[in-house]
Amino acid sequence: MPDGLLDGLSVEQREESWQEALGESAYAMYVAVDDAAVLGFCAVATPSRDDDAQEGVAEIGAIYVEPSMWRTGAGRALMDVALADLRADGWRQVTLWVLAENQPARDFYSRFGLMPDGAEMTHAGSGATEVRLRGPIAT
């Protein structure tokens, strides 16, 4: 997300939003830590929140790794455990939304078999185009 959008976020509103999401049984949260430091997190929604989601489709609603920890394996570890749990629970596909212009993130997701499925939307806060990526949850 653009720095201006992130700078304008309210900590209190984000905290409230996350508390609501984490209180729902449809969400799982994975957190990468090193000692007491949080390196990143991955939030998974089951089923996908998309209006056109088919049965058996889960969604990675958010994944974030502290930039100083990029390319250390933290993101891969988060994705691996989230996908393994989804697979164990019988989910067949997973989707996620990413900014169209965020090529490094798209390259990362492609390593897990996630490719554009043709769906796009405009991010409300920034006006940027988001694309939906989709892939099978490999067995």
N, C-alpha and C. Protein backbone atom coordinates (compact mmCIF):
# COMPACT_ATOMS: atom_id res chain seq x y z
N MET A 1 0.84 -1.18 0.00
CA MET A 1 0.00 0.00 0.00
C MET A 1 0.88 1.24 0.00
N PRO A 2 0.40 2.30 -0.61
CA PRO A 2 1.17 3.55 -0.61
C PRO A 2 1.38 4.07 0.81
N ASP A 3 2.56 4.69 1.05
CA ASP A 3 2.88 5.21 2.38
C ASP A 3 1.82 6.17 2.89
N GLY A 4 1.29 7.02 2.00
CA GLY A 4 0.28 7.99 2.42
C GLY A 4 -0.96 7.32 2.98
N LEU A 5 -1.38 6.23 2.36
CA LEU A 5 -2.54 5.50 2.85
C LEU A 5 -2.23 4.86 4.20
N LEU A 6 -1.09 4.24 4.33
CA LEU A 6 -0.72 3.61 5.60
C LEU A 6 -0.57 4.64 6.71
N ASP A 7 0.01 5.81 6.39
CA ASP A 7 0.18 6.86 7.39
C ASP A 7 -1.16 7.39 7.90
N GLY A 8 -2.18 7.30 7.07
CA GLY A 8 -3.49 7.81 7.45
C GLY A 8 -4.36 6.83 8.21
N LEU A 9 -3.89 5.61 8.42
CA LEU A 9 -4.68 4.62 9.14
C LEU A 9 -4.72 4.94 10.62
N SER A 10 -5.86 4.68 11.20
CA SER A 10 -6.04 4.86 12.64
C SER A 10 -5.68 3.56 13.35
N VAL A 11 -4.76 3.63 14.29
CA VAL A 11 -4.36 2.46 15.05
C VAL A 11 -5.58 1.89 15.78
N GLU A 12 -6.39 2.75 16.36
CA GLU A 12 -7.56 2.30 17.11
C GLU A 12 -8.55 1.58 16.19
N GLN A 13 -8.79 2.13 15.00
CA GLN A 13 -9.73 1.49 14.07
C GLN A 13 -9.18 0.16 13.58
N ARG A 14 -7.90 0.09 13.27
CA ARG A 14 -7.29 -1.17 12.81
C ARG A 14 -7.34 -2.21 13.92
N GLU A 15 -7.06 -1.79 15.16
CA GLU A 15 -7.11 -2.72 16.28
C GLU A 15 -8.52 -3.28 16.44
N GLU A 16 -9.52 -2.42 16.36
CA GLU A 16 -10.91 -2.86 16.48
C GLU A 16 -11.27 -3.83 15.35
N SER A 17 -10.85 -3.49 14.15
CA SER A 17 -11.13 -4.34 12.99
C SER A 17 -10.50 -5.73 13.15
N TRP A 18 -9.25 -5.76 13.60
CA TRP A 18 -8.58 -7.05 13.79
C TRP A 18 -9.20 -7.84 14.93
N GLN A 19 -9.61 -7.19 16.00
CA GLN A 19 -10.26 -7.90 17.10
C GLN A 19 -11.55 -8.55 16.64
N GLU A 20 -12.31 -7.84 15.81
CA GLU A 20 -13.55 -8.42 15.27
C GLU A 20 -13.24 -9.62 14.39
N ALA A 21 -12.28 -9.46 13.49
CA ALA A 21 -11.94 -10.55 12.57
C ALA A 21 -11.43 -11.77 13.33
N LEU A 22 -10.56 -11.55 14.30
CA LEU A 22 -9.99 -12.67 15.04
C LEU A 22 -11.00 -13.35 15.95
N GLY A 23 -12.08 -12.65 16.28
CA GLY A 23 -13.13 -13.24 17.08
C GLY A 23 -14.06 -14.16 16.29
N GLU A 24 -13.94 -14.12 14.97
CA GLU A 24 -14.77 -14.97 14.11
C GLU A 24 -14.07 -16.29 13.87
N SER A 25 -14.84 -17.36 13.86
CA SER A 25 -14.24 -18.68 13.64
C SER A 25 -13.79 -18.88 12.20
N ALA A 26 -14.17 -18.00 11.29
CA ALA A 26 -13.81 -18.14 9.89
C ALA A 26 -12.41 -17.63 9.59
N TYR A 27 -11.69 -17.15 10.59
CA TYR A 27 -10.35 -16.61 10.38
C TYR A 27 -9.32 -17.43 11.15
N ALA A 28 -8.17 -17.61 10.52
CA ALA A 28 -7.01 -18.18 11.20
C ALA A 28 -5.88 -17.18 11.03
N MET A 29 -5.08 -17.03 12.05
CA MET A 29 -3.96 -16.10 12.02
C MET A 29 -2.68 -16.87 12.31
N TYR A 30 -1.70 -16.64 11.45
CA TYR A 30 -0.37 -17.24 11.62
C TYR A 30 0.61 -16.10 11.84
N VAL A 31 1.50 -16.27 12.80
CA VAL A 31 2.44 -15.21 13.14
C VAL A 31 3.85 -15.81 13.17
N ALA A 32 4.76 -15.16 12.46
CA ALA A 32 6.17 -15.53 12.49
C ALA A 32 6.86 -14.67 13.53
N VAL A 33 7.54 -15.33 14.47
CA VAL A 33 8.23 -14.61 15.53
C VAL A 33 9.67 -15.09 15.65
N ASP A 34 10.51 -14.22 16.15
CA ASP A 34 11.89 -14.55 16.48
C ASP A 34 12.12 -13.96 17.86
N ASP A 35 12.25 -14.83 18.84
CA ASP A 35 12.25 -14.41 20.24
C ASP A 35 10.93 -13.68 20.50
N ALA A 36 10.96 -12.43 20.90
CA ALA A 36 9.73 -11.70 21.17
C ALA A 36 9.33 -10.79 20.02
N ALA A 37 10.10 -10.78 18.94
CA ALA A 37 9.84 -9.88 17.83
C ALA A 37 8.92 -10.53 16.79
N VAL A 38 7.88 -9.82 16.41
CA VAL A 38 7.00 -10.29 15.35
C VAL A 38 7.65 -9.95 14.01
N LEU A 39 7.84 -10.97 13.18
CA LEU A 39 8.45 -10.79 11.86
C LEU A 39 7.40 -10.59 10.78
N GLY A 40 6.24 -11.19 10.98
CA GLY A 40 5.18 -11.08 9.99
C GLY A 40 3.96 -11.87 10.41
N PHE A 41 2.90 -11.76 9.58
CA PHE A 41 1.67 -12.50 9.87
C PHE A 41 0.96 -12.84 8.56
N CYS A 42 0.08 -13.82 8.65
CA CYS A 42 -0.76 -14.23 7.53
C CYS A 42 -2.14 -14.52 8.08
N ALA A 43 -3.16 -13.86 7.55
CA ALA A 43 -4.54 -14.07 7.96
C ALA A 43 -5.28 -14.81 6.86
N VAL A 44 -5.99 -15.87 7.23
CA VAL A 44 -6.69 -16.71 6.27
C VAL A 44 -8.17 -16.73 6.61
N ALA A 45 -9.00 -16.55 5.58
CA ALA A 45 -10.45 -16.60 5.74
C ALA A 45 -10.98 -17.88 5.09
N THR A 46 -11.84 -18.58 5.81
CA THR A 46 -12.49 -19.77 5.27
C THR A 46 -13.98 -19.68 5.54
N PRO A 47 -14.77 -19.65 4.49
CA PRO A 47 -14.41 -19.64 3.07
C PRO A 47 -13.98 -18.24 2.62
N SER A 48 -13.62 -18.15 1.34
CA SER A 48 -13.27 -16.85 0.75
C SER A 48 -14.42 -15.88 0.97
N ARG A 49 -14.08 -14.62 1.17
CA ARG A 49 -15.10 -13.58 1.38
C ARG A 49 -15.67 -13.03 0.09
N ASP A 50 -15.12 -13.43 -1.07
CA ASP A 50 -15.58 -12.91 -2.36
C ASP A 50 -17.01 -13.37 -2.66
N ASP A 51 -17.79 -12.46 -3.22
CA ASP A 51 -19.18 -12.77 -3.55
C ASP A 51 -19.31 -13.94 -4.52
N ASP A 52 -18.33 -14.10 -5.41
CA ASP A 52 -18.41 -15.16 -6.41
C ASP A 52 -17.62 -16.41 -6.02
N ALA A 53 -17.24 -16.52 -4.76
CA ALA A 53 -16.44 -17.66 -4.32
C ALA A 53 -17.23 -18.96 -4.44
N GLN A 54 -16.57 -19.95 -4.97
CA GLN A 54 -17.16 -21.27 -5.08
C GLN A 54 -16.85 -22.07 -3.82
N GLU A 55 -17.55 -23.17 -3.67
CA GLU A 55 -17.32 -24.05 -2.54
C GLU A 55 -15.89 -24.58 -2.59
N GLY A 56 -15.26 -24.68 -1.45
CA GLY A 56 -13.91 -25.22 -1.38
C GLY A 56 -12.80 -24.20 -1.60
N VAL A 57 -13.18 -22.90 -1.67
CA VAL A 57 -12.19 -21.85 -1.92
C VAL A 57 -11.98 -21.03 -0.64
N ALA A 58 -10.73 -20.98 -0.19
CA ALA A 58 -10.33 -20.17 0.96
C ALA A 58 -9.65 -18.91 0.44
N GLU A 59 -9.34 -18.00 1.34
CA GLU A 59 -8.73 -16.73 0.95
C GLU A 59 -7.63 -16.33 1.92
N ILE A 60 -6.50 -15.91 1.37
CA ILE A 60 -5.49 -15.27 2.18
C ILE A 60 -5.87 -13.80 2.21
N GLY A 61 -6.39 -13.37 3.35
CA GLY A 61 -6.91 -12.02 3.47
C GLY A 61 -5.83 -10.98 3.67
N ALA A 62 -4.71 -11.40 4.24
CA ALA A 62 -3.60 -10.48 4.47
C ALA A 62 -2.35 -11.29 4.74
N ILE A 63 -1.25 -10.81 4.22
CA ILE A 63 0.06 -11.35 4.58
C ILE A 63 1.02 -10.17 4.58
N TYR A 64 1.80 -10.10 5.64
CA TYR A 64 2.73 -8.99 5.78
C TYR A 64 3.98 -9.50 6.48
N VAL A 65 5.13 -9.15 5.94
CA VAL A 65 6.40 -9.44 6.58
C VAL A 65 7.16 -8.12 6.70
N GLU A 66 7.72 -7.90 7.87
CA GLU A 66 8.52 -6.71 8.11
C GLU A 66 9.57 -6.59 6.99
N PRO A 67 9.64 -5.43 6.32
CA PRO A 67 10.56 -5.31 5.18
C PRO A 67 12.00 -5.73 5.46
N SER A 68 12.48 -5.50 6.68
CA SER A 68 13.86 -5.91 6.99
C SER A 68 14.00 -7.44 6.99
N MET A 69 12.87 -8.15 6.99
CA MET A 69 12.89 -9.61 7.02
C MET A 69 12.55 -10.23 5.67
N TRP A 70 12.37 -9.40 4.64
CA TRP A 70 12.12 -9.94 3.31
C TRP A 70 13.31 -10.79 2.89
N ARG A 71 13.01 -11.84 2.16
CA ARG A 71 14.03 -12.76 1.61
C ARG A 71 14.80 -13.53 2.69
N THR A 72 14.15 -13.71 3.84
CA THR A 72 14.77 -14.51 4.90
C THR A 72 14.05 -15.85 5.09
N GLY A 73 12.95 -16.05 4.39
CA GLY A 73 12.16 -17.27 4.53
C GLY A 73 10.94 -17.12 5.41
N ALA A 74 10.77 -15.96 6.04
CA ALA A 74 9.61 -15.76 6.93
C ALA A 74 8.30 -15.81 6.14
N GLY A 75 8.24 -15.15 5.00
CA GLY A 75 7.03 -15.17 4.18
C GLY A 75 6.72 -16.56 3.66
N ARG A 76 7.73 -17.25 3.19
CA ARG A 76 7.54 -18.63 2.70
C ARG A 76 7.03 -19.53 3.83
N ALA A 77 7.60 -19.38 5.02
CA ALA A 77 7.16 -20.20 6.15
C ALA A 77 5.69 -19.93 6.48
N LEU A 78 5.29 -18.66 6.46
CA LEU A 78 3.90 -18.32 6.72
C LEU A 78 2.97 -18.94 5.68
N MET A 79 3.34 -18.79 4.41
CA MET A 79 2.51 -19.37 3.33
C MET A 79 2.48 -20.90 3.44
N ASP A 80 3.62 -21.51 3.70
CA ASP A 80 3.67 -22.97 3.79
C ASP A 80 2.74 -23.51 4.87
N VAL A 81 2.79 -22.91 6.06
CA VAL A 81 1.95 -23.42 7.15
C VAL A 81 0.47 -23.13 6.89
N ALA A 82 0.17 -21.95 6.35
CA ALA A 82 -1.23 -21.63 6.06
C ALA A 82 -1.80 -22.59 5.00
N LEU A 83 -1.04 -22.82 3.93
CA LEU A 83 -1.51 -23.72 2.87
C LEU A 83 -1.60 -25.16 3.37
N ALA A 84 -0.66 -25.59 4.20
CA ALA A 84 -0.71 -26.94 4.76
C ALA A 84 -1.96 -27.13 5.60
N ASP A 85 -2.29 -26.15 6.43
CA ASP A 85 -3.50 -26.25 7.26
C ASP A 85 -4.76 -26.25 6.39
N LEU A 86 -4.79 -25.40 5.36
CA LEU A 86 -5.95 -25.40 4.47
C LEU A 86 -6.10 -26.75 3.78
N ARG A 87 -5.02 -27.30 3.31
CA ARG A 87 -5.04 -28.60 2.65
C ARG A 87 -5.56 -29.67 3.62
N ALA A 88 -5.06 -29.67 4.85
CA ALA A 88 -5.48 -30.66 5.85
C ALA A 88 -6.96 -30.53 6.17
N ASP A 89 -7.49 -29.32 6.06
CA ASP A 89 -8.91 -29.08 6.35
C ASP A 89 -9.81 -29.30 5.13
N GLY A 90 -9.22 -29.69 3.99
CA GLY A 90 -10.02 -30.05 2.82
C GLY A 90 -10.30 -28.93 1.84
N TRP A 91 -9.67 -27.78 1.98
CA TRP A 91 -9.86 -26.69 1.03
C TRP A 91 -9.11 -27.02 -0.25
N ARG A 92 -9.71 -26.72 -1.40
CA ARG A 92 -9.13 -27.11 -2.69
C ARG A 92 -8.40 -25.97 -3.40
N GLN A 93 -8.84 -24.74 -3.19
CA GLN A 93 -8.22 -23.59 -3.84
C GLN A 93 -8.09 -22.45 -2.84
N VAL A 94 -7.19 -21.51 -3.20
CA VAL A 94 -7.02 -20.33 -2.37
C VAL A 94 -6.90 -19.12 -3.28
N THR A 95 -7.42 -17.99 -2.81
CA THR A 95 -7.31 -16.73 -3.54
C THR A 95 -6.68 -15.69 -2.63
N LEU A 96 -6.22 -14.62 -3.26
CA LEU A 96 -5.80 -13.44 -2.52
C LEU A 96 -5.83 -12.26 -3.48
N TRP A 97 -5.95 -11.07 -2.93
CA TRP A 97 -5.95 -9.83 -3.71
C TRP A 97 -4.61 -9.13 -3.51
N VAL A 98 -4.07 -8.60 -4.59
CA VAL A 98 -2.78 -7.91 -4.55
C VAL A 98 -2.85 -6.70 -5.47
N LEU A 99 -2.12 -5.65 -5.14
CA LEU A 99 -2.07 -4.50 -6.03
C LEU A 99 -1.46 -4.93 -7.36
N ALA A 100 -2.11 -4.55 -8.45
CA ALA A 100 -1.66 -4.95 -9.78
C ALA A 100 -0.21 -4.55 -10.03
N GLU A 101 0.19 -3.41 -9.51
CA GLU A 101 1.54 -2.89 -9.77
C GLU A 101 2.61 -3.49 -8.85
N ASN A 102 2.22 -4.32 -7.89
CA ASN A 102 3.17 -4.87 -6.93
C ASN A 102 3.79 -6.16 -7.49
N GLN A 103 4.69 -6.00 -8.44
CA GLN A 103 5.28 -7.15 -9.11
C GLN A 103 6.11 -8.04 -8.18
N PRO A 104 6.87 -7.50 -7.22
CA PRO A 104 7.58 -8.40 -6.32
C PRO A 104 6.64 -9.34 -5.56
N ALA A 105 5.52 -8.81 -5.08
CA ALA A 105 4.56 -9.65 -4.37
C ALA A 105 3.95 -10.68 -5.32
N ARG A 106 3.60 -10.25 -6.53
CA ARG A 106 3.02 -11.18 -7.50
C ARG A 106 4.00 -12.29 -7.85
N ASP A 107 5.28 -11.96 -7.96
CA ASP A 107 6.29 -12.98 -8.22
C ASP A 107 6.37 -13.97 -7.05
N PHE A 108 6.32 -13.45 -5.84
CA PHE A 108 6.34 -14.31 -4.64
C PHE A 108 5.15 -15.27 -4.67
N TYR A 109 3.95 -14.76 -4.91
CA TYR A 109 2.76 -15.60 -4.90
C TYR A 109 2.77 -16.62 -6.03
N SER A 110 3.38 -16.26 -7.15
CA SER A 110 3.41 -17.21 -8.27
C SER A 110 4.21 -18.46 -7.91
N ARG A 111 5.15 -18.35 -6.98
CA ARG A 111 5.92 -19.52 -6.54
C ARG A 111 5.03 -20.54 -5.83
N PHE A 112 3.86 -20.11 -5.40
CA PHE A 112 2.90 -21.00 -4.76
C PHE A 112 1.78 -21.40 -5.72
N GLY A 113 1.93 -21.05 -6.99
CA GLY A 113 0.94 -21.41 -8.00
C GLY A 113 -0.24 -20.47 -8.10
N LEU A 114 -0.13 -19.28 -7.50
CA LEU A 114 -1.23 -18.31 -7.53
C LEU A 114 -1.05 -17.39 -8.74
N MET A 115 -2.05 -17.39 -9.60
CA MET A 115 -2.02 -16.62 -10.84
C MET A 115 -3.30 -15.80 -10.98
N PRO A 116 -3.26 -14.70 -11.74
CA PRO A 116 -4.48 -13.90 -11.93
C PRO A 116 -5.62 -14.74 -12.51
N ASP A 117 -6.81 -14.53 -11.97
CA ASP A 117 -7.97 -15.27 -12.48
C ASP A 117 -8.92 -14.37 -13.27
N GLY A 118 -8.50 -13.13 -13.53
CA GLY A 118 -9.31 -12.20 -14.32
C GLY A 118 -10.12 -11.21 -13.51
N ALA A 119 -10.27 -11.43 -12.21
CA ALA A 119 -11.04 -10.51 -11.37
C ALA A 119 -10.17 -9.33 -10.97
N GLU A 120 -10.75 -8.13 -11.02
CA GLU A 120 -10.07 -6.90 -10.60
C GLU A 120 -11.03 -6.05 -9.81
N MET A 121 -10.48 -5.18 -8.98
CA MET A 121 -11.29 -4.19 -8.26
C MET A 121 -10.40 -3.00 -7.94
N THR A 122 -11.04 -1.92 -7.58
CA THR A 122 -10.33 -0.71 -7.20
C THR A 122 -10.26 -0.66 -5.69
N HIS A 123 -9.06 -0.52 -5.16
CA HIS A 123 -8.87 -0.41 -3.72
C HIS A 123 -9.49 0.89 -3.24
N ALA A 124 -10.40 0.81 -2.29
CA ALA A 124 -11.17 1.97 -1.85
C ALA A 124 -10.30 3.09 -1.30
N GLY A 125 -9.27 2.76 -0.54
CA GLY A 125 -8.47 3.80 0.10
C GLY A 125 -7.50 4.50 -0.80
N SER A 126 -6.97 3.78 -1.81
CA SER A 126 -5.91 4.35 -2.64
C SER A 126 -6.31 4.59 -4.09
N GLY A 127 -7.37 3.95 -4.54
CA GLY A 127 -7.76 4.04 -5.94
C GLY A 127 -6.94 3.15 -6.85
N ALA A 128 -6.01 2.39 -6.28
CA ALA A 128 -5.15 1.50 -7.06
C ALA A 128 -5.94 0.26 -7.49
N THR A 129 -5.51 -0.33 -8.59
CA THR A 129 -6.15 -1.54 -9.08
C THR A 129 -5.58 -2.75 -8.35
N GLU A 130 -6.48 -3.60 -7.89
CA GLU A 130 -6.10 -4.87 -7.29
C GLU A 130 -6.52 -5.99 -8.22
N VAL A 131 -5.73 -7.04 -8.29
CA VAL A 131 -6.08 -8.23 -9.07
C VAL A 131 -6.19 -9.40 -8.11
N ARG A 132 -7.08 -10.30 -8.46
CA ARG A 132 -7.23 -11.50 -7.63
C ARG A 132 -6.36 -12.61 -8.22
N LEU A 133 -5.60 -13.25 -7.33
CA LEU A 133 -4.81 -14.39 -7.72
C LEU A 133 -5.49 -15.64 -7.16
N ARG A 134 -5.35 -16.75 -7.88
CA ARG A 134 -5.99 -17.99 -7.49
C ARG A 134 -5.06 -19.14 -7.80
N GLY A 135 -5.13 -20.16 -6.98
CA GLY A 135 -4.35 -21.36 -7.24
C GLY A 135 -4.86 -22.55 -6.46
N PRO A 136 -4.48 -23.71 -6.93
CA PRO A 136 -4.88 -24.93 -6.20
C PRO A 136 -4.06 -25.07 -4.93
N ILE A 137 -4.63 -25.72 -3.97
CA ILE A 137 -3.88 -26.06 -2.77
C ILE A 137 -3.36 -27.47 -3.03
N ALA A 138 -2.11 -27.54 -3.41
CA ALA A 138 -1.50 -28.80 -3.85
C ALA A 138 -1.55 -29.85 -2.76
N THR A 139 -1.68 -31.08 -3.19
CA THR A 139 -1.70 -32.19 -2.24
C THR A 139 -0.32 -32.75 -2.01
